[in-house]
Amino acid sequence: MSTLTGIRSPDRPTNGPEPAAWPARDRVALAAGLLAPFLVALVLVPFRTDLSHTNAALVLVVAVVMVAALGNRAAGVVAALSAAAWFDFFLVRPYTTFDITASADIETAVLLLAVGLIVSQLAARARRLEVITVTDADHLARIHATADLVQSVKSGDSVVDHVRRELTELLGLRSCRFEYGTLLGHPWRLQQDGSVTTGRRHGDVDAAGWPEGEIELRAYGNGHYLGRFMLTPGPGPVPPLQARLVAVTLADQTGAALDTSGPVRQG
């Protein structure tokens, strides 16, 4: 297995890292999705005769939001299902059963589930958007410099060469080359969200290091595929997610330049 330094051991398969296990934060959130609504509903039991079902449902929605914000979408969905189940079991007559006799209580339970699912989606999306925000001055400088180059030059070649150098430094690459208009093979791909995948497999590069071989980073212009950077990782540590997201932004800028000025030179 490779380590955080990205150095690959001889006994590791050459087709890339093992499918990634969930990060510890997401595993904790999934467990919380199962337990938190149960515990909250249990705390509300002594007050269930005085507390309206609507207010009880709102308290459980807060628990769902907290779980979704901590973890991923799956944890939020589990929390929403758990909240609806324990609302029915502990807080709705007949108590300690999963039967609901009153139509108003059925509506409240359904709304609790629906609201919990929606909120979990929003919270998970907010978590993704939070990590995409680029605040590092060096990263901003790279993006601005490339944007200025895209606006000032007439040849896409200049932008490609500039971004190749930027990617090499930003990601600590051993080498970086550009292929125009070819999609040969099935290399690992650096995706828009900073993850690395091939087919349906996801590599946990933060834990396992870069996969074996070259990694492609595609450049699109106006929605059309125009080429790809082929990245050969260096021996150093895998760059953080923010750096990988900046790399994706640089590739997008390259695609915009190629779409405007024409194809990069061959060879």
Protein backbone atom coordinates (compact mmCIF):
# COMPACT_ATOMS: atom_id res chain seq x y z
CA MET A 1 0.00 0.00 0.00
CA SER A 2 1.21 3.53 -0.70
CA THR A 3 1.56 5.99 2.08
CA LEU A 4 0.76 9.64 2.46
CA THR A 5 4.01 10.42 0.72
CA GLY A 6 2.64 8.91 -2.48
CA ILE A 7 5.52 6.38 -2.72
CA ARG A 8 4.16 3.15 -4.13
CA SER A 9 5.34 -0.17 -2.76
CA PRO A 10 6.38 -3.03 -5.06
CA ASP A 11 3.55 -5.34 -4.00
CA ARG A 12 0.86 -2.85 -4.86
CA PRO A 13 -1.21 -3.63 -8.00
CA THR A 14 -0.41 -1.43 -10.97
CA ASN A 15 -4.03 -0.58 -11.78
CA GLY A 16 -4.42 2.10 -9.12
CA PRO A 17 -5.47 2.35 -5.50
CA GLU A 18 -8.05 0.21 -3.85
CA PRO A 19 -11.59 1.60 -3.84
CA ALA A 20 -11.59 4.24 -1.13
CA ALA A 21 -13.06 3.60 2.26
CA TRP A 22 -15.21 6.38 3.64
CA PRO A 23 -13.28 9.04 5.56
CA ALA A 24 -13.51 8.75 9.34
CA ARG A 25 -15.63 11.91 9.50
CA ASP A 26 -18.27 10.35 7.24
CA ARG A 27 -18.27 7.08 9.16
CA VAL A 28 -18.82 8.96 12.41
CA ALA A 29 -21.61 10.98 10.77
CA LEU A 30 -23.30 7.82 9.54
CA ALA A 31 -23.29 6.38 13.05
CA ALA A 32 -24.62 9.70 14.34
CA GLY A 33 -27.36 9.53 11.73
CA LEU A 34 -28.56 6.31 13.29
CA LEU A 35 -28.14 7.29 16.95
CA ALA A 36 -28.72 11.05 17.22
CA PRO A 37 -32.44 11.05 16.29
CA PHE A 38 -32.99 8.08 18.63
CA LEU A 39 -31.36 9.90 21.54
CA VAL A 40 -33.19 13.16 20.81
CA ALA A 41 -36.54 11.36 20.63
CA LEU A 42 -35.73 9.57 23.87
CA VAL A 43 -35.00 12.89 25.58
CA LEU A 44 -38.36 14.22 24.39
CA VAL A 45 -40.33 11.28 25.81
CA PRO A 46 -40.98 12.90 29.24
CA PHE A 47 -42.41 15.95 27.46
CA ARG A 48 -44.43 14.21 24.75
CA THR A 49 -47.80 14.92 26.33
CA ASP A 50 -47.08 18.67 26.56
CA LEU A 51 -45.01 19.11 23.41
CA SER A 52 -46.89 19.42 20.13
CA HIS A 53 -45.98 16.92 17.45
CA THR A 54 -44.99 19.77 15.16
CA ASN A 55 -42.48 21.14 17.66
CA ALA A 56 -41.12 17.65 18.34
CA ALA A 57 -40.64 17.15 14.61
CA LEU A 58 -38.78 20.47 14.36
CA VAL A 59 -36.40 19.41 17.13
CA LEU A 60 -35.68 16.20 15.24
CA VAL A 61 -35.06 18.17 12.03
CA VAL A 62 -32.34 20.10 13.88
CA ALA A 63 -30.66 16.78 14.67
CA VAL A 64 -30.84 15.82 10.98
CA VAL A 65 -29.25 19.13 9.97
CA MET A 66 -26.39 18.67 12.42
CA VAL A 67 -25.67 15.17 11.12
CA ALA A 68 -25.81 16.25 7.47
CA ALA A 69 -23.50 19.19 8.14
CA LEU A 70 -21.01 16.90 9.86
CA GLY A 71 -21.04 14.16 7.26
CA ASN A 72 -22.22 13.52 3.73
CA ARG A 73 -25.55 13.11 1.95
CA ALA A 74 -25.86 9.45 2.95
CA ALA A 75 -25.54 10.31 6.63
CA GLY A 76 -28.23 12.97 6.25
CA VAL A 77 -30.60 10.53 4.56
CA VAL A 78 -30.02 7.94 7.29
CA ALA A 79 -30.68 10.61 9.92
CA ALA A 80 -33.92 11.66 8.21
CA LEU A 81 -35.18 8.07 8.08
CA SER A 82 -34.14 7.50 11.69
CA ALA A 83 -35.86 10.70 12.82
CA ALA A 84 -39.14 9.74 11.14
CA ALA A 85 -39.02 6.24 12.63
CA TRP A 86 -38.29 7.32 16.22
CA PHE A 87 -40.81 10.16 16.01
CA ASP A 88 -43.42 7.52 15.25
CA PHE A 89 -42.16 5.07 17.88
CA PHE A 90 -41.68 7.38 20.88
CA LEU A 91 -43.74 10.51 20.30
CA VAL A 92 -46.93 9.43 18.53
CA ARG A 93 -49.79 7.37 19.97
CA PRO A 94 -49.87 4.43 20.34
CA TYR A 95 -46.44 4.82 21.96
CA THR A 96 -43.59 2.30 21.46
CA THR A 97 -45.12 0.98 18.25
CA PHE A 98 -44.63 1.92 14.63
CA ASP A 99 -48.37 2.37 14.12
CA ILE A 100 -49.93 5.79 13.56
CA THR A 101 -53.71 6.11 13.77
CA ALA A 102 -54.31 9.85 13.44
CA SER A 103 -54.09 11.30 9.93
CA ALA A 104 -52.51 14.51 11.26
CA ASP A 105 -49.70 12.48 12.85
CA ILE A 106 -49.15 10.62 9.59
CA GLU A 107 -48.81 13.94 7.76
CA THR A 108 -46.37 15.22 10.37
CA ALA A 109 -44.23 12.08 10.09
CA VAL A 110 -44.19 12.27 6.29
CA LEU A 111 -43.32 15.97 6.39
CA LEU A 112 -40.56 15.26 8.92
CA LEU A 113 -39.06 12.70 6.55
CA ALA A 114 -39.41 14.98 3.51
CA VAL A 115 -37.98 18.04 5.24
CA GLY A 116 -35.16 15.96 6.73
CA LEU A 117 -34.22 14.62 3.29
CA ILE A 118 -34.28 18.06 1.69
CA VAL A 119 -32.28 19.68 4.48
CA SER A 120 -29.70 16.89 4.35
CA GLN A 121 -29.18 17.54 0.64
CA LEU A 122 -28.72 21.26 1.24
CA ALA A 123 -26.35 20.75 4.15
CA ALA A 124 -24.25 18.26 2.18
CA ARG A 125 -24.09 20.67 -0.76
CA ALA A 126 -23.05 23.50 1.56
CA ARG A 127 -20.22 21.32 2.86
CA ARG A 128 -18.95 20.73 -0.69
CA LEU A 129 -19.18 24.40 -1.61
CA GLU A 130 -17.31 25.35 1.55
CA VAL A 131 -14.19 23.45 0.52
CA ILE A 132 -14.32 24.86 -3.01
CA THR A 133 -13.81 28.43 -1.77
CA VAL A 134 -10.31 29.49 -2.69
CA THR A 135 -8.76 31.83 -0.15
CA ASP A 136 -5.04 31.10 -0.44
CA ALA A 137 -3.25 34.09 -1.97
CA ASP A 138 -0.89 31.92 -4.01
CA HIS A 139 -3.78 29.97 -5.49
CA LEU A 140 -5.63 33.15 -6.35
CA ALA A 141 -2.50 34.53 -7.99
CA ARG A 142 -2.22 31.46 -10.23
CA ILE A 143 -5.84 31.77 -11.31
CA HIS A 144 -5.59 35.50 -11.95
CA ALA A 145 -2.33 35.19 -13.89
CA THR A 146 -3.81 32.50 -16.12
CA ALA A 147 -6.98 34.54 -16.66
CA ASP A 148 -4.89 37.53 -17.71
CA LEU A 149 -2.93 35.34 -20.13
CA VAL A 150 -6.13 33.94 -21.64
CA GLN A 151 -7.33 37.48 -22.29
CA SER A 152 -4.05 38.82 -23.69
CA VAL A 153 -2.73 36.11 -26.03
CA LYS A 154 -4.11 34.89 -29.33
CA SER A 155 -2.59 31.41 -29.24
CA GLY A 156 -3.85 28.59 -27.07
CA ASP A 157 -0.32 27.17 -27.14
CA SER A 158 0.90 29.86 -24.75
CA VAL A 159 -1.88 29.12 -22.28
CA VAL A 160 -1.24 25.37 -22.44
CA ASP A 161 2.48 25.83 -21.79
CA HIS A 162 1.79 28.23 -18.93
CA VAL A 163 -0.75 25.91 -17.28
CA ARG A 164 1.57 22.91 -17.69
CA ARG A 165 4.19 24.74 -15.64
CA GLU A 166 1.60 25.87 -13.09
CA LEU A 167 0.23 22.35 -12.66
CA THR A 168 3.71 20.89 -12.27
CA GLU A 169 4.51 23.29 -9.45
CA LEU A 170 1.04 23.31 -7.85
CA LEU A 171 0.65 19.51 -7.71
CA GLY A 172 4.32 18.59 -7.27
CA LEU A 173 4.36 16.62 -10.53
CA ARG A 174 7.29 14.77 -12.03
CA SER A 175 6.05 15.74 -15.49
CA CYS A 176 2.99 17.13 -17.25
CA ARG A 177 2.08 16.97 -20.93
CA PHE A 178 -0.95 17.95 -22.98
CA GLU A 179 -2.87 15.79 -25.46
CA TYR A 180 -5.23 17.50 -27.84
CA GLY A 181 -8.44 15.72 -28.81
CA THR A 182 -7.45 12.18 -27.80
CA LEU A 183 -9.09 9.90 -25.25
CA LEU A 184 -7.01 6.74 -25.46
CA GLY A 185 -7.02 4.23 -22.62
CA HIS A 186 -8.73 4.48 -19.26
CA PRO A 187 -6.38 6.42 -16.97
CA TRP A 188 -7.38 7.73 -13.58
CA ARG A 189 -9.02 11.14 -13.88
CA LEU A 190 -8.85 14.22 -11.67
CA GLN A 191 -12.50 15.27 -11.42
CA GLN A 192 -14.17 18.66 -10.98
CA ASP A 193 -14.61 18.08 -7.25
CA GLY A 194 -10.93 17.23 -6.74
CA SER A 195 -11.47 13.48 -6.45
CA VAL A 196 -9.64 10.89 -8.56
CA THR A 197 -11.68 8.21 -10.31
CA THR A 198 -11.58 5.63 -13.08
CA GLY A 199 -14.89 4.28 -14.28
CA ARG A 200 -16.96 3.75 -11.13
CA ARG A 201 -13.94 3.41 -8.86
CA HIS A 202 -12.92 6.18 -6.51
CA GLY A 203 -9.39 6.47 -5.16
CA ASP A 204 -8.84 7.97 -1.72
CA VAL A 205 -5.69 9.84 -2.68
CA ASP A 206 -5.53 11.67 0.65
CA ALA A 207 -5.09 8.35 2.46
CA ALA A 208 -3.54 6.08 -0.17
CA GLY A 209 -1.52 8.48 -2.32
CA TRP A 210 -1.67 9.01 -6.06
CA PRO A 211 -2.62 6.00 -8.22
CA GLU A 212 -0.10 4.33 -10.49
CA GLY A 213 0.61 5.84 -13.89
CA GLU A 214 -0.56 9.08 -15.45
CA ILE A 215 -3.68 10.91 -14.34
CA GLU A 216 -5.74 12.85 -16.83
CA LEU A 217 -7.16 16.32 -16.24
CA ARG A 218 -9.56 17.23 -19.02
CA ALA A 219 -9.99 20.67 -20.55
CA TYR A 220 -13.40 21.71 -21.85
CA GLY A 221 -14.39 24.80 -23.78
CA ASN A 222 -18.01 25.85 -24.13
CA GLY A 223 -19.05 22.35 -23.04
CA HIS A 224 -16.87 20.57 -25.62
CA TYR A 225 -13.89 18.34 -24.83
CA LEU A 226 -10.73 19.87 -26.30
CA GLY A 227 -7.85 17.97 -24.74
CA ARG A 228 -6.33 16.77 -21.51
CA PHE A 229 -3.33 17.29 -19.32
CA MET A 230 -1.56 14.03 -18.48
CA LEU A 231 -0.15 14.30 -14.98
CA THR A 232 2.72 12.15 -13.69
CA PRO A 233 2.78 12.47 -9.89
CA GLY A 234 6.03 13.20 -8.12
CA PRO A 235 7.33 11.46 -4.99
CA GLY A 236 6.06 14.10 -2.58
CA PRO A 237 2.80 14.17 -0.65
CA VAL A 238 -0.54 14.43 -2.45
CA PRO A 239 -1.55 18.11 -2.58
CA PRO A 240 -4.60 19.08 -0.53
CA LEU A 241 -8.09 19.27 -1.97
CA GLN A 242 -7.93 23.04 -2.41
CA ALA A 243 -4.85 22.74 -4.64
CA ARG A 244 -6.56 20.05 -6.72
CA LEU A 245 -9.59 22.30 -7.18
CA VAL A 246 -7.30 25.10 -8.35
CA ALA A 247 -5.78 22.66 -10.86
CA VAL A 248 -9.26 21.95 -12.22
CA THR A 249 -9.89 25.69 -12.54
CA LEU A 250 -6.65 26.12 -14.50
CA ALA A 251 -7.70 23.31 -16.85
CA ASP A 252 -11.05 25.04 -17.37
CA GLN A 253 -9.25 28.26 -18.23
CA THR A 254 -7.16 26.34 -20.74
CA GLY A 255 -10.31 24.96 -22.33
CA ALA A 256 -11.73 28.47 -22.63
CA ALA A 257 -8.54 29.67 -24.33
CA LEU A 258 -8.50 26.76 -26.77
CA ASP A 259 -12.16 27.24 -27.58
CA THR A 260 -11.49 30.87 -28.46
CA SER A 261 -8.15 30.66 -30.24
CA GLY A 262 -8.25 27.22 -31.82
CA PRO A 263 -6.49 23.88 -31.20
CA VAL A 264 -3.13 23.50 -29.59
CA ARG A 265 -0.27 22.38 -31.76
CA GLN A 266 0.16 18.66 -32.31
CA GLY A 267 3.20 16.71 -31.06
